[in-house]
Amino acid sequence: MNENVITKDIRKPRRGFGFYSRIYRKILVQDLKSKMSYRADFVISTIGMIMTNVAGFITFLILFHNFPTINGWDYHHMLFLYGFSLIALTPVQCFFDNNWNLRFMVQSGDFIKYCFRPINVFFYFISEVFDVKGLGQLAFGIGTLVYAWSHIGIPVTALAILKLVVFLLTASLFMIAIMNAAAATCFWIQGSGYVMVIMFRFKDFAKYPASIFSGIFRILFTFVIPIAFVAYYPSLSILDAGDVPLLTWFSPALGILFFYLSYKFWMLGVRKYDFTGS
C-alpha cells in the first residue's frame, strides 16, 4: 500500500503555485542574464521606451493647450488616466511579450517542443521571455500617475492605495486577455500578425475616457474589445468622479473571466496544433 502511494506521488507530482513560481524564477534569472550580457541594448531599449512615452506626454500638452477639457475631463484627470493605462499595460509588455513570437513558432513547427514538457504549455511558453523595456514604461507611468494624483488632490489613504493596486491588476488582466486571444488566432489563421497589431493598436484608446465615444464604439470598447476596462472604468474607483458605474465594481470579476476565456482559447489552439498540426 505504501509502495502504491509512493508510485502515485512520483507519477503525479503536485504542480501548485510554489512549483510554478520556482520554475518561473529560474527561467527569469536565465533570461535576464542573457539580456544583461548586452547592456547597451538594454539601456538603449529602456531609454527608447521612456522617450516614446515622453512623446505621448508632449502630445497631451499640445492637446490641452488648445482644449482645456475633453467631455468634462481636464488635463490632470486625463493625465491620471494616461499614467494609469501605462502601468496597467506593463504586465502584458513585460511578462506576455512572447505572444508576439507565437505565430512564428507555430509556422516553423518549433512550437511542438512545448507540447512535450511536463508542465503547463501556456506557462512554459509565456515564461521564456521577460521584456525589460516595459520597466521604462512602468517608471514613466508611475511618475505620471503620482504627478496627476497630487494635482487632483486625491487623499492618500490605505483604502485608496488598496483600490489602486486591485484595479491596476484588474486593468492588466483585460489587456493580457486581448493579446492572448489575438496571439492564439495563429493556430487557425495563417499570417495572423495583423490581428496582433490591430489589437495592440487599440491600447491607444485606453488613454481616453469611454464617455467621449459614440454609442456603438462605447459598446465595442466595453463588451467586444474591452479597452475601456484597461484604464477608464477601473480608474473611476480612484477618482471617485460622481456616480461610479456598476461596471467599475464588476471589473475585477470580469477581468478574471476575460483572462480565463483567453487562456482557454489559447489552450484550444494548442490542442488543435498538437493533434492536427498547422
Protein backbone atom coordinates (compact mmCIF):
# COMPACT_ATOMS: atom_id res chain seq x y z
CA MET A 1 0.00 0.00 0.00
CA ASN A 2 2.81 2.36 0.86
CA GLU A 3 4.53 1.49 -2.44
CA ASN A 4 1.35 2.37 -4.34
CA VAL A 5 1.14 5.72 -2.60
CA ILE A 6 4.78 6.47 -3.38
CA THR A 7 4.33 5.41 -7.02
CA LYS A 8 1.26 7.61 -7.32
CA ASP A 9 3.16 10.60 -5.90
CA ILE A 10 6.03 10.07 -8.36
CA ARG A 11 3.74 9.79 -11.38
CA LYS A 12 1.60 12.77 -10.44
CA PRO A 13 3.74 15.34 -8.66
CA ARG A 14 1.95 18.33 -7.32
CA ARG A 15 2.05 21.32 -9.66
CA GLY A 16 0.96 24.09 -7.32
CA PHE A 17 1.76 27.79 -7.17
CA GLY A 18 5.03 27.12 -5.35
CA PHE A 19 6.22 24.75 -8.06
CA TYR A 20 5.49 27.17 -10.90
CA SER A 21 6.91 30.18 -9.04
CA ARG A 22 10.21 28.32 -8.54
CA ILE A 23 10.31 27.32 -12.20
CA TYR A 24 9.50 30.85 -13.31
CA ARG A 25 12.16 32.35 -11.06
CA LYS A 26 14.82 30.09 -12.60
CA ILE A 27 13.70 30.86 -16.17
CA LEU A 28 13.55 34.59 -15.41
CA VAL A 29 17.07 34.65 -13.97
CA GLN A 30 18.46 32.93 -17.06
CA ASP A 31 16.58 35.25 -19.40
CA LEU A 32 17.79 38.36 -17.56
CA LYS A 33 21.38 37.08 -17.56
CA SER A 34 21.13 36.63 -21.31
CA LYS A 35 19.74 40.13 -21.83
CA MET A 36 22.18 41.82 -19.44
CA SER A 37 25.10 40.40 -21.42
CA TYR A 38 24.13 43.06 -23.96
CA ARG A 39 23.85 46.01 -21.56
CA ALA A 40 23.97 48.65 -24.28
CA ASP A 41 20.90 47.12 -25.89
CA PHE A 42 19.13 47.08 -22.52
CA VAL A 43 19.93 50.75 -21.84
CA ILE A 44 19.00 51.89 -25.35
CA SER A 45 15.74 49.91 -25.31
CA THR A 46 14.74 51.32 -21.92
CA ILE A 47 15.54 54.88 -22.96
CA GLY A 48 13.63 54.33 -26.19
CA MET A 49 10.54 53.21 -24.26
CA ILE A 50 10.76 56.24 -21.96
CA MET A 51 11.15 58.60 -24.93
CA THR A 52 8.11 57.06 -26.60
CA ASN A 53 6.05 57.86 -23.53
CA VAL A 54 7.57 61.33 -23.28
CA ALA A 55 6.31 61.91 -26.82
CA GLY A 56 2.84 60.87 -25.66
CA PHE A 57 3.11 63.28 -22.74
CA ILE A 58 4.03 66.13 -25.11
CA THR A 59 1.01 65.24 -27.24
CA PHE A 60 -1.17 65.73 -24.15
CA LEU A 61 0.42 69.13 -23.54
CA ILE A 62 -0.30 70.22 -27.09
CA LEU A 63 -3.86 68.85 -26.99
CA PHE A 64 -4.79 70.59 -23.74
CA HIS A 65 -3.13 73.80 -24.80
CA ASN A 66 -5.96 74.12 -27.32
CA PHE A 67 -8.74 72.28 -25.49
CA PRO A 68 -8.98 72.89 -21.70
CA THR A 69 -11.29 69.88 -21.21
CA ILE A 70 -12.45 66.83 -23.13
CA ASN A 71 -16.04 65.89 -22.34
CA GLY A 72 -15.62 67.23 -18.79
CA TRP A 73 -12.16 65.68 -18.24
CA ASP A 74 -9.50 68.29 -17.50
CA TYR A 75 -5.76 67.98 -18.08
CA HIS A 76 -4.78 66.36 -14.77
CA HIS A 77 -7.65 63.84 -14.83
CA MET A 78 -6.72 62.85 -18.38
CA LEU A 79 -3.09 62.59 -17.30
CA PHE A 80 -4.16 60.34 -14.43
CA LEU A 81 -5.92 58.10 -16.96
CA TYR A 82 -2.80 58.12 -19.14
CA GLY A 83 -0.49 57.14 -16.28
CA PHE A 84 -2.95 54.51 -15.07
CA SER A 85 -3.06 52.92 -18.53
CA LEU A 86 0.75 52.85 -18.81
CA ILE A 87 1.08 50.96 -15.52
CA ALA A 88 -1.78 48.61 -16.43
CA LEU A 89 -0.14 47.83 -19.78
CA THR A 90 3.23 47.00 -18.20
CA PRO A 91 2.47 43.34 -17.31
CA VAL A 92 1.46 42.48 -20.88
CA GLN A 93 4.61 44.24 -22.07
CA CYS A 94 6.97 42.55 -19.58
CA PHE A 95 5.51 39.11 -18.93
CA PHE A 96 3.49 38.25 -22.04
CA ASP A 97 5.69 39.64 -24.79
CA ASN A 98 6.45 36.15 -26.13
CA ASN A 99 2.93 36.10 -27.59
CA TRP A 100 4.41 38.12 -30.46
CA ASN A 101 6.62 35.14 -31.32
CA LEU A 102 3.85 32.55 -31.17
CA ARG A 103 2.87 32.72 -34.84
CA PHE A 104 6.48 32.23 -35.95
CA MET A 105 6.91 29.21 -33.67
CA VAL A 106 3.68 27.67 -34.94
CA GLN A 107 4.53 28.27 -38.61
CA SER A 108 8.05 26.88 -38.30
CA GLY A 109 6.93 23.87 -36.27
CA ASP A 110 9.23 24.76 -33.37
CA PHE A 111 6.22 25.14 -31.09
CA ILE A 112 5.95 21.35 -30.84
CA LYS A 113 8.78 21.34 -28.27
CA TYR A 114 6.47 22.97 -25.72
CA CYS A 115 3.97 20.14 -26.05
CA PHE A 116 6.36 17.53 -24.65
CA ARG A 117 7.33 19.22 -21.39
CA PRO A 118 5.66 18.00 -18.15
CA ILE A 119 4.39 21.49 -17.28
CA ASN A 120 1.60 23.74 -18.47
CA VAL A 121 2.24 24.71 -22.12
CA PHE A 122 0.92 28.27 -21.73
CA PHE A 123 3.07 28.90 -18.66
CA TYR A 124 6.19 27.41 -20.27
CA PHE A 125 5.86 29.40 -23.48
CA ILE A 126 4.99 32.75 -21.85
CA SER A 127 7.66 32.49 -19.15
CA GLU A 128 10.52 32.15 -21.63
CA VAL A 129 10.62 35.89 -22.35
CA PHE A 130 10.68 38.88 -20.00
CA ASP A 131 10.74 42.21 -21.83
CA VAL A 132 12.84 44.59 -19.75
CA LYS A 133 11.79 47.55 -21.91
CA GLY A 134 8.49 47.51 -20.05
CA LEU A 135 10.30 48.68 -16.92
CA GLY A 136 10.90 52.05 -18.57
CA GLN A 137 7.19 52.29 -19.32
CA LEU A 138 6.39 51.36 -15.71
CA ALA A 139 8.70 54.08 -14.35
CA PHE A 140 7.17 56.73 -16.58
CA GLY A 141 3.64 55.55 -15.77
CA ILE A 142 4.25 55.74 -12.01
CA GLY A 143 5.74 59.21 -12.32
CA THR A 144 2.81 60.42 -14.42
CA LEU A 145 0.25 58.90 -12.06
CA VAL A 146 1.87 60.40 -8.96
CA TYR A 147 2.08 63.81 -10.62
CA ALA A 148 -1.60 63.75 -11.65
CA TRP A 149 -2.68 62.31 -8.27
CA SER A 150 -1.01 65.15 -6.37
CA HIS A 151 -2.53 67.85 -8.57
CA ILE A 152 -6.02 66.37 -8.44
CA GLY A 153 -5.76 66.25 -4.65
CA ILE A 154 -6.85 62.64 -4.10
CA PRO A 155 -6.36 61.75 -0.40
CA VAL A 156 -3.59 59.19 0.12
CA THR A 157 -5.25 56.58 2.32
CA ALA A 158 -4.82 52.85 2.81
CA LEU A 159 -8.16 52.27 1.07
CA ALA A 160 -7.14 54.41 -1.91
CA ILE A 161 -3.85 52.52 -2.30
CA LEU A 162 -5.63 49.17 -1.98
CA LYS A 163 -8.15 50.14 -4.65
CA LEU A 164 -5.33 51.37 -6.87
CA VAL A 165 -3.48 48.05 -6.66
CA VAL A 166 -6.60 45.92 -7.14
CA PHE A 167 -7.90 47.90 -10.11
CA LEU A 168 -4.49 48.16 -11.76
CA LEU A 169 -4.26 44.36 -11.64
CA THR A 170 -7.80 44.20 -12.95
CA ALA A 171 -7.00 46.52 -15.85
CA SER A 172 -3.92 44.45 -16.70
CA LEU A 173 -5.99 41.27 -16.98
CA PHE A 174 -8.11 42.79 -19.73
CA MET A 175 -5.17 43.76 -21.92
CA ILE A 176 -3.47 40.42 -21.30
CA ALA A 177 -6.70 38.67 -22.31
CA ILE A 178 -6.96 40.71 -25.51
CA MET A 179 -3.39 39.88 -26.55
CA ASN A 180 -3.68 36.21 -25.56
CA ALA A 181 -6.74 35.81 -27.76
CA ALA A 182 -5.16 37.77 -30.62
CA ALA A 183 -1.99 35.68 -30.49
CA ALA A 184 -3.91 32.39 -30.40
CA THR A 185 -5.58 33.14 -33.75
CA CYS A 186 -2.35 31.94 -35.38
CA PHE A 187 -3.45 28.36 -34.68
CA TRP A 188 -6.28 28.88 -37.19
CA ILE A 189 -5.19 31.81 -39.40
CA GLN A 190 -2.00 31.95 -41.43
CA GLY A 191 -0.30 35.35 -41.40
CA SER A 192 -2.23 36.33 -38.28
CA GLY A 193 0.26 39.04 -37.36
CA TYR A 194 -2.16 41.74 -38.43
CA VAL A 195 -4.60 40.58 -35.74
CA MET A 196 -1.95 41.13 -33.07
CA VAL A 197 -1.02 44.54 -34.48
CA ILE A 198 -4.63 45.74 -34.68
CA MET A 199 -5.47 44.59 -31.15
CA PHE A 200 -2.30 46.15 -29.77
CA ARG A 201 -3.08 49.44 -31.51
CA PHE A 202 -6.39 49.56 -29.70
CA LYS A 203 -4.45 50.17 -26.47
CA ASP A 204 -4.08 53.82 -27.54
CA PHE A 205 -7.82 54.26 -26.95
CA ALA A 206 -7.36 53.16 -23.33
CA LYS A 207 -5.83 56.57 -22.59
CA TYR A 208 -9.16 58.30 -23.22
CA PRO A 209 -12.44 58.13 -21.28
CA ALA A 210 -15.01 55.82 -22.89
CA SER A 211 -17.58 58.57 -22.46
CA ILE A 212 -16.10 60.51 -25.41
CA PHE A 213 -17.03 57.73 -27.86
CA SER A 214 -20.39 57.38 -29.59
CA GLY A 215 -22.81 54.65 -28.54
CA ILE A 216 -21.70 51.88 -30.92
CA PHE A 217 -18.00 52.44 -30.24
CA ARG A 218 -18.62 52.58 -26.50
CA ILE A 219 -20.32 49.17 -26.70
CA LEU A 220 -17.48 47.84 -28.89
CA PHE A 221 -14.75 49.02 -26.49
CA THR A 222 -16.66 47.79 -23.44
CA PHE A 223 -18.07 44.37 -24.32
CA VAL A 224 -16.34 43.19 -27.52
CA ILE A 225 -12.79 44.56 -27.29
CA PRO A 226 -12.77 45.66 -23.62
CA ILE A 227 -10.29 48.51 -23.96
CA ALA A 228 -12.45 50.72 -21.71
CA PHE A 229 -11.55 48.37 -18.82
CA VAL A 230 -7.80 48.91 -19.31
CA ALA A 231 -8.00 52.32 -17.64
CA TYR A 232 -11.33 54.14 -17.80
CA TYR A 233 -13.68 52.01 -15.67
CA PRO A 234 -11.05 50.86 -13.11
CA SER A 235 -9.66 54.39 -12.64
CA LEU A 236 -13.11 55.77 -11.78
CA SER A 237 -12.93 53.90 -8.47
CA ILE A 238 -9.90 56.04 -7.52
CA LEU A 239 -11.04 59.33 -8.98
CA ASP A 240 -14.47 58.91 -7.35
CA ALA A 241 -15.97 61.11 -10.06
CA GLY A 242 -19.62 61.31 -9.05
CA ASP A 243 -21.69 58.17 -9.56
CA VAL A 244 -19.24 55.34 -10.24
CA PRO A 245 -20.83 52.93 -12.76
CA LEU A 246 -21.52 49.34 -11.77
CA LEU A 247 -19.10 48.15 -14.45
CA THR A 248 -16.28 49.62 -12.35
CA TRP A 249 -17.11 47.43 -9.36
CA PHE A 250 -17.73 44.38 -11.55
CA SER A 251 -14.46 44.85 -13.44
CA PRO A 252 -12.32 42.59 -11.16
CA ALA A 253 -14.64 39.63 -11.77
CA LEU A 254 -14.92 40.49 -15.46
CA GLY A 255 -11.13 40.77 -15.75
CA ILE A 256 -10.65 37.30 -14.30
CA LEU A 257 -13.37 35.94 -16.61
CA PHE A 258 -11.85 37.52 -19.73
CA PHE A 259 -8.39 36.25 -18.82
CA TYR A 260 -9.71 32.74 -18.19
CA LEU A 261 -11.57 32.69 -21.51
CA SER A 262 -8.49 33.91 -23.37
CA TYR A 263 -6.41 31.21 -21.68
CA LYS A 264 -8.90 28.51 -22.67
CA PHE A 265 -8.94 29.83 -26.24
CA TRP A 266 -5.12 29.78 -26.29
CA MET A 267 -5.05 26.21 -25.00
CA LEU A 268 -7.74 25.19 -27.51
CA GLY A 269 -5.33 26.28 -30.21
CA VAL A 270 -2.57 24.22 -28.59
CA ARG A 271 -4.76 21.10 -28.70
CA LYS A 272 -5.51 21.73 -32.37
CA TYR A 273 -1.80 22.14 -33.08
CA ASP A 274 -0.86 19.11 -31.01
CA PHE A 275 -3.30 16.73 -32.65
CA THR A 276 -3.72 18.01 -36.21
CA GLY A 277 -0.65 20.12 -36.84
CA SER A 278 -0.57 23.51 -38.56
